[in-house]
N, C-alpha and C. Protein backbone atom coordinates (compact mmCIF):
# COMPACT_ATOMS: atom_id res chain seq x y z
N GLN A 1 -24.67 -1.65 -23.58
CA GLN A 1 -25.80 -0.12 -23.11
C GLN A 1 -24.52 0.55 -24.28
N VAL A 2 -26.13 0.90 -24.98
CA VAL A 2 -24.85 1.82 -26.41
C VAL A 2 -25.24 3.21 -25.65
N GLN A 3 -23.89 3.65 -26.68
CA GLN A 3 -23.61 5.13 -27.05
C GLN A 3 -23.66 5.82 -28.08
N LEU A 4 -24.29 6.88 -28.05
CA LEU A 4 -23.52 7.36 -29.33
C LEU A 4 -22.75 9.15 -29.12
N VAL A 5 -21.83 8.77 -29.86
CA VAL A 5 -21.77 9.92 -29.01
C VAL A 5 -20.61 10.85 -30.20
N GLU A 6 -21.30 12.44 -31.21
CA GLU A 6 -20.97 13.06 -32.22
C GLU A 6 -19.87 13.98 -31.37
N SER A 7 -19.30 14.37 -32.95
CA SER A 7 -18.25 15.34 -32.53
C SER A 7 -17.87 15.97 -33.84
N GLY A 8 -17.11 16.95 -34.14
CA GLY A 8 -16.79 17.80 -35.53
C GLY A 8 -17.79 19.00 -34.68
N GLY A 9 -18.11 19.85 -34.32
CA GLY A 9 -18.89 21.21 -34.26
C GLY A 9 -18.08 21.90 -33.59
N GLY A 10 -18.06 23.37 -34.20
CA GLY A 10 -17.28 24.22 -34.29
C GLY A 10 -18.30 25.34 -35.25
N LEU A 11 -17.36 26.39 -35.36
CA LEU A 11 -17.97 27.39 -35.96
C LEU A 11 -17.53 27.53 -37.29
N VAL A 12 -17.71 27.95 -38.53
CA VAL A 12 -17.97 27.85 -39.73
C VAL A 12 -18.27 29.09 -40.88
N GLN A 13 -17.80 29.76 -41.13
CA GLN A 13 -17.94 30.63 -41.97
C GLN A 13 -19.56 29.97 -43.08
N ALA A 14 -20.18 30.68 -43.79
CA ALA A 14 -21.07 30.63 -44.63
C ALA A 14 -19.96 30.10 -46.07
N GLY A 15 -20.38 29.04 -46.98
CA GLY A 15 -19.89 28.50 -47.77
C GLY A 15 -19.28 27.68 -47.10
N GLU A 16 -18.16 27.48 -46.37
CA GLU A 16 -17.30 26.35 -45.86
C GLU A 16 -18.14 25.38 -46.02
N SER A 17 -17.26 24.39 -45.89
CA SER A 17 -17.51 22.79 -45.94
C SER A 17 -17.52 22.00 -43.95
N LEU A 18 -18.01 21.60 -43.40
CA LEU A 18 -17.81 20.56 -42.34
C LEU A 18 -17.84 18.95 -42.43
N ARG A 19 -16.69 18.61 -41.60
CA ARG A 19 -17.53 16.87 -41.63
C ARG A 19 -17.62 16.81 -39.68
N ILE A 20 -18.99 15.89 -39.52
CA ILE A 20 -19.01 15.60 -38.21
C ILE A 20 -19.05 14.48 -38.40
N SER A 21 -18.54 13.79 -36.63
CA SER A 21 -18.73 12.15 -36.74
C SER A 21 -19.49 11.61 -35.76
N CYS A 22 -20.06 10.80 -35.63
CA CYS A 22 -21.10 10.07 -35.06
C CYS A 22 -20.39 8.75 -34.23
N THR A 23 -19.78 8.10 -33.54
CA THR A 23 -19.12 7.11 -32.72
C THR A 23 -19.74 6.20 -32.04
N VAL A 24 -20.53 4.64 -32.55
CA VAL A 24 -21.01 4.05 -31.75
C VAL A 24 -20.28 3.25 -31.02
N THR A 25 -20.70 2.92 -29.74
CA THR A 25 -20.61 1.55 -29.05
C THR A 25 -21.73 0.80 -28.63
N GLY A 26 -21.47 0.05 -28.11
CA GLY A 26 -22.40 -1.38 -27.66
C GLY A 26 -23.40 -2.09 -28.46
N HIS A 27 -23.76 -1.85 -29.58
CA HIS A 27 -23.77 -2.67 -30.36
C HIS A 27 -22.80 -2.83 -31.46
N THR A 28 -23.79 -3.89 -32.39
CA THR A 28 -22.69 -4.16 -33.86
C THR A 28 -22.95 -3.30 -34.57
N PHE A 29 -22.65 -2.63 -35.17
CA PHE A 29 -22.60 -0.76 -35.45
C PHE A 29 -22.82 -1.46 -36.95
N SER A 30 -22.29 -3.05 -37.32
CA SER A 30 -22.87 -3.03 -38.62
C SER A 30 -24.16 -3.36 -39.73
N ARG A 31 -24.62 -3.84 -38.15
CA ARG A 31 -26.54 -4.58 -38.99
C ARG A 31 -27.13 -3.39 -38.61
N TYR A 32 -27.33 -2.10 -38.51
CA TYR A 32 -27.97 -1.21 -38.51
C TYR A 32 -28.06 0.17 -38.80
N SER A 33 -28.94 0.71 -39.61
CA SER A 33 -29.10 2.06 -40.05
C SER A 33 -28.89 2.76 -39.41
N MET A 34 -28.52 4.35 -39.77
CA MET A 34 -28.31 4.95 -38.53
C MET A 34 -29.14 6.42 -39.60
N ALA A 35 -29.43 7.34 -38.68
CA ALA A 35 -30.08 8.56 -39.03
C ALA A 35 -29.25 9.68 -38.89
N TRP A 36 -29.37 10.91 -39.73
CA TRP A 36 -28.75 12.25 -38.51
C TRP A 36 -30.15 13.35 -38.75
N PHE A 37 -29.90 13.56 -37.30
CA PHE A 37 -30.84 14.72 -36.58
C PHE A 37 -30.27 15.92 -37.07
N ARG A 38 -31.27 17.09 -36.79
CA ARG A 38 -30.60 18.35 -36.18
C ARG A 38 -31.17 19.37 -35.96
N GLN A 39 -31.41 20.04 -34.72
CA GLN A 39 -32.24 20.83 -33.97
C GLN A 39 -31.46 21.95 -33.91
N PRO A 40 -32.47 23.39 -34.66
CA PRO A 40 -32.28 24.19 -34.60
C PRO A 40 -32.34 24.99 -32.55
N PRO A 41 -32.08 26.09 -32.87
CA PRO A 41 -32.35 26.97 -31.62
C PRO A 41 -33.32 26.89 -31.54
N GLY A 42 -34.70 26.47 -30.75
CA GLY A 42 -36.05 27.30 -30.37
C GLY A 42 -36.58 26.26 -31.31
N ARG A 43 -36.35 25.10 -31.80
CA ARG A 43 -37.31 24.38 -32.35
C ARG A 43 -37.22 22.64 -33.12
N GLN A 44 -38.03 21.65 -32.75
CA GLN A 44 -38.10 20.74 -32.84
C GLN A 44 -36.86 19.66 -33.94
N ARG A 45 -36.96 18.36 -33.32
CA ARG A 45 -35.45 17.78 -34.62
C ARG A 45 -35.97 17.70 -35.53
N LEU A 46 -34.91 17.57 -36.49
CA LEU A 46 -35.80 17.54 -37.98
C LEU A 46 -34.67 16.12 -38.24
N PHE A 47 -35.12 15.54 -39.03
CA PHE A 47 -34.16 14.63 -40.01
C PHE A 47 -33.93 15.02 -40.62
N ILE A 48 -32.41 14.55 -41.33
CA ILE A 48 -32.05 15.48 -42.21
C ILE A 48 -30.91 14.14 -43.45
N ALA A 49 -30.69 12.85 -42.90
CA ALA A 49 -30.16 11.95 -43.31
C ALA A 49 -30.18 10.65 -42.88
N HIS A 50 -30.34 9.48 -43.99
CA HIS A 50 -30.87 8.00 -43.66
C HIS A 50 -29.40 7.25 -44.43
N ILE A 51 -28.70 7.17 -43.80
CA ILE A 51 -27.32 5.66 -44.32
C ILE A 51 -28.09 3.81 -43.70
N ASN A 52 -27.87 2.84 -45.16
CA ASN A 52 -27.96 2.27 -44.44
C ASN A 52 -27.41 1.59 -44.34
N TRP A 53 -27.42 0.00 -43.20
CA TRP A 53 -26.47 -0.51 -42.73
C TRP A 53 -24.92 -1.25 -43.74
N SER A 54 -25.11 -0.96 -44.96
CA SER A 54 -24.00 -1.29 -45.93
C SER A 54 -23.48 0.11 -46.28
N GLY A 55 -24.44 1.53 -45.72
CA GLY A 55 -23.52 2.03 -46.49
C GLY A 55 -24.30 2.46 -48.59
N THR A 56 -24.65 1.75 -48.70
CA THR A 56 -24.70 1.10 -49.95
C THR A 56 -25.75 2.82 -50.22
N ASP A 57 -27.35 2.50 -49.16
CA ASP A 57 -28.25 3.35 -50.02
C ASP A 57 -28.44 4.50 -49.35
N THR A 58 -28.22 6.38 -49.16
CA THR A 58 -28.87 6.88 -48.24
C THR A 58 -30.06 7.78 -49.09
N ARG A 59 -30.45 8.46 -47.99
CA ARG A 59 -31.62 9.33 -48.47
C ARG A 59 -31.47 10.32 -46.98
N TYR A 60 -31.57 11.63 -48.09
CA TYR A 60 -31.97 13.27 -47.33
C TYR A 60 -32.64 13.98 -47.76
N ALA A 61 -33.51 15.25 -46.75
CA ALA A 61 -33.79 15.85 -46.67
C ALA A 61 -34.05 16.60 -47.76
N ASP A 62 -34.87 17.28 -48.46
CA ASP A 62 -35.22 18.06 -49.55
C ASP A 62 -34.02 19.29 -48.98
N SER A 63 -34.25 19.50 -47.55
CA SER A 63 -33.66 20.55 -46.99
C SER A 63 -31.86 20.66 -47.22
N VAL A 64 -30.86 19.83 -47.66
CA VAL A 64 -29.93 19.54 -47.48
C VAL A 64 -29.22 18.69 -49.22
N ASN A 65 -29.88 18.22 -49.22
CA ASN A 65 -29.98 17.14 -50.53
C ASN A 65 -29.29 18.08 -51.22
N GLY A 66 -28.06 17.50 -51.71
CA GLY A 66 -27.29 18.08 -52.48
C GLY A 66 -25.78 18.86 -51.79
N ARG A 67 -26.08 18.94 -51.00
CA ARG A 67 -25.19 19.82 -50.20
C ARG A 67 -24.64 18.57 -49.20
N PHE A 68 -25.45 17.95 -48.58
CA PHE A 68 -24.83 16.45 -47.58
C PHE A 68 -24.56 15.37 -48.39
N THR A 69 -23.48 14.55 -47.45
CA THR A 69 -23.11 13.22 -47.61
C THR A 69 -23.31 12.95 -46.37
N SER A 70 -23.42 11.21 -45.79
CA SER A 70 -23.55 10.76 -45.13
C SER A 70 -23.14 8.98 -45.89
N SER A 71 -21.74 8.40 -44.90
CA SER A 71 -21.24 7.60 -45.59
C SER A 71 -20.71 6.89 -43.73
N ARG A 72 -20.37 6.29 -44.13
CA ARG A 72 -19.83 4.72 -42.62
C ARG A 72 -18.46 4.07 -42.30
N ASP A 73 -17.62 3.60 -41.47
CA ASP A 73 -16.78 3.29 -41.23
C ASP A 73 -17.18 1.97 -40.33
N LYS A 74 -17.62 0.71 -40.91
CA LYS A 74 -17.05 -0.26 -40.11
C LYS A 74 -16.28 -0.91 -39.52
N ALA A 75 -15.18 -0.35 -39.90
CA ALA A 75 -13.67 -0.57 -38.51
C ALA A 75 -13.21 0.39 -37.55
N ARG A 76 -14.64 1.79 -37.83
CA ARG A 76 -14.51 2.63 -37.15
C ARG A 76 -15.52 2.71 -36.04
N ASN A 77 -16.50 1.89 -36.81
CA ASN A 77 -17.88 1.80 -35.56
C ASN A 77 -18.60 3.75 -35.38
N THR A 78 -18.12 4.42 -37.10
CA THR A 78 -18.56 5.45 -37.39
C THR A 78 -19.35 6.07 -38.35
N VAL A 79 -20.06 6.60 -37.94
CA VAL A 79 -21.13 7.41 -39.26
C VAL A 79 -20.64 8.82 -39.48
N TYR A 80 -20.55 9.35 -40.72
CA TYR A 80 -20.05 10.53 -40.63
C TYR A 80 -21.24 11.23 -40.96
N LEU A 81 -21.10 12.82 -41.54
CA LEU A 81 -21.50 13.90 -42.05
C LEU A 81 -20.86 15.03 -42.77
N GLN A 82 -20.66 14.76 -44.44
CA GLN A 82 -20.30 16.10 -44.51
C GLN A 82 -20.93 17.17 -45.39
N MET A 83 -20.19 17.92 -44.61
CA MET A 83 -21.87 19.21 -44.76
C MET A 83 -20.43 19.99 -45.85
N ASN A 84 -21.76 20.62 -47.05
CA ASN A 84 -20.64 21.53 -48.18
C ASN A 84 -21.62 23.06 -47.96
N ASP A 85 -21.32 23.81 -48.58
CA ASP A 85 -21.72 24.73 -48.52
C ASP A 85 -22.46 25.20 -47.61
N LEU A 86 -22.32 25.29 -46.60
CA LEU A 86 -22.59 25.50 -45.48
C LEU A 86 -24.16 27.30 -45.28
N LYS A 87 -24.93 27.21 -44.34
CA LYS A 87 -26.12 28.29 -44.74
C LYS A 87 -25.96 28.73 -43.15
N PRO A 88 -26.41 30.25 -42.58
CA PRO A 88 -26.48 30.41 -41.60
C PRO A 88 -27.90 29.56 -40.98
N GLU A 89 -28.56 29.25 -41.86
CA GLU A 89 -29.60 28.73 -41.10
C GLU A 89 -29.54 26.94 -41.33
N TYR A 90 -28.25 25.82 -40.91
CA TYR A 90 -28.07 25.01 -41.22
C TYR A 90 -27.08 24.55 -39.37
N THR A 91 -27.08 26.26 -39.02
CA THR A 91 -27.05 26.75 -37.25
C THR A 91 -28.08 24.93 -36.68
N ALA A 92 -27.18 24.69 -35.70
CA ALA A 92 -28.26 23.62 -34.55
C ALA A 92 -27.14 22.83 -34.27
N VAL A 93 -27.62 21.64 -32.99
CA VAL A 93 -26.98 20.67 -32.57
C VAL A 93 -27.11 19.51 -33.36
N TYR A 94 -26.72 18.58 -33.87
CA TYR A 94 -26.71 17.61 -34.57
C TYR A 94 -26.70 16.58 -33.96
N TYR A 95 -27.71 15.40 -34.46
CA TYR A 95 -27.66 14.43 -33.82
C TYR A 95 -27.62 13.00 -34.56
N CYS A 96 -26.71 11.99 -34.28
CA CYS A 96 -27.03 11.05 -35.10
C CYS A 96 -28.32 9.80 -34.09
N HIS A 97 -28.39 9.01 -34.99
CA HIS A 97 -29.34 7.58 -34.05
C HIS A 97 -29.02 6.40 -34.92
N SER A 98 -29.64 5.72 -34.09
CA SER A 98 -29.62 4.31 -34.53
C SER A 98 -30.58 3.37 -34.83
N ALA A 99 -30.31 2.34 -35.81
CA ALA A 99 -32.23 2.07 -36.01
C ALA A 99 -31.99 0.61 -34.95
N GLY A 100 -31.05 0.23 -34.11
CA GLY A 100 -30.27 -0.79 -33.63
C GLY A 100 -30.95 -0.21 -31.90
N ALA A 101 -31.10 0.58 -32.14
CA ALA A 101 -31.45 1.81 -30.86
C ALA A 101 -32.17 2.58 -30.50
N PRO A 102 -33.46 2.50 -30.39
CA PRO A 102 -34.01 3.63 -30.73
C PRO A 102 -34.48 4.95 -29.60
N ASP A 103 -34.27 4.26 -28.40
CA ASP A 103 -34.57 5.22 -27.63
C ASP A 103 -32.98 5.83 -27.40
N VAL A 104 -32.37 5.54 -27.40
CA VAL A 104 -30.86 6.32 -27.24
C VAL A 104 -30.63 7.55 -28.41
N TRP A 105 -30.03 8.16 -27.70
CA TRP A 105 -29.73 9.64 -27.93
C TRP A 105 -28.09 10.30 -27.83
N GLY A 106 -27.40 10.69 -28.07
CA GLY A 106 -25.91 10.61 -28.41
C GLY A 106 -26.10 12.40 -27.62
N PRO A 107 -24.87 13.32 -27.04
CA PRO A 107 -25.54 14.70 -26.50
C PRO A 107 -25.40 16.06 -27.58
N GLY A 108 -24.71 15.47 -28.88
CA GLY A 108 -24.99 16.04 -30.23
C GLY A 108 -23.96 16.89 -29.96
N THR A 109 -23.60 17.22 -31.26
CA THR A 109 -22.52 18.01 -31.39
C THR A 109 -22.76 19.50 -32.20
N LYS A 110 -22.83 20.90 -31.88
CA LYS A 110 -23.07 21.66 -31.73
C LYS A 110 -22.26 22.64 -33.26
N PHE A 111 -23.04 22.96 -34.29
CA PHE A 111 -22.34 24.36 -35.23
C PHE A 111 -22.70 25.36 -35.70
N THR A 112 -21.97 26.40 -35.20
CA THR A 112 -23.15 27.55 -36.04
C THR A 112 -21.67 28.15 -37.04
N VAL A 113 -22.75 28.59 -37.48
CA VAL A 113 -22.66 28.85 -39.56
C VAL A 113 -22.79 30.92 -39.49
N SER A 114 -22.21 30.82 -39.15
CA SER A 114 -21.62 32.73 -39.71
C SER A 114 -21.50 33.31 -40.37
N SER A 115 -22.28 34.14 -41.58
CA SER A 115 -22.90 34.82 -42.87
C SER A 115 -21.53 35.87 -43.00
């Protein structure tokens, strides 16, 4: 059974940085691409980042390009999202997603960016 567990959320000030993590269990992590989504309060879940199976190719939504960087650690079965120069509009619950388990979502990790 595949499980995704996000972590690292909290309260940060505008302009600060934060790194959140997602650990995957239940399938061969290194075989699948991963993606990050965010869901602001009262809104739909939105794509923000994608990283391929090897970590050599990443893509980002225009809204975060240049501020967010995704990476992955095969040994830890973990994918990361480094977020810099945070803005209040980034306040949301953040989810990771695995191409190897398209119907599985974790609980998400929430962070709030205060102005």
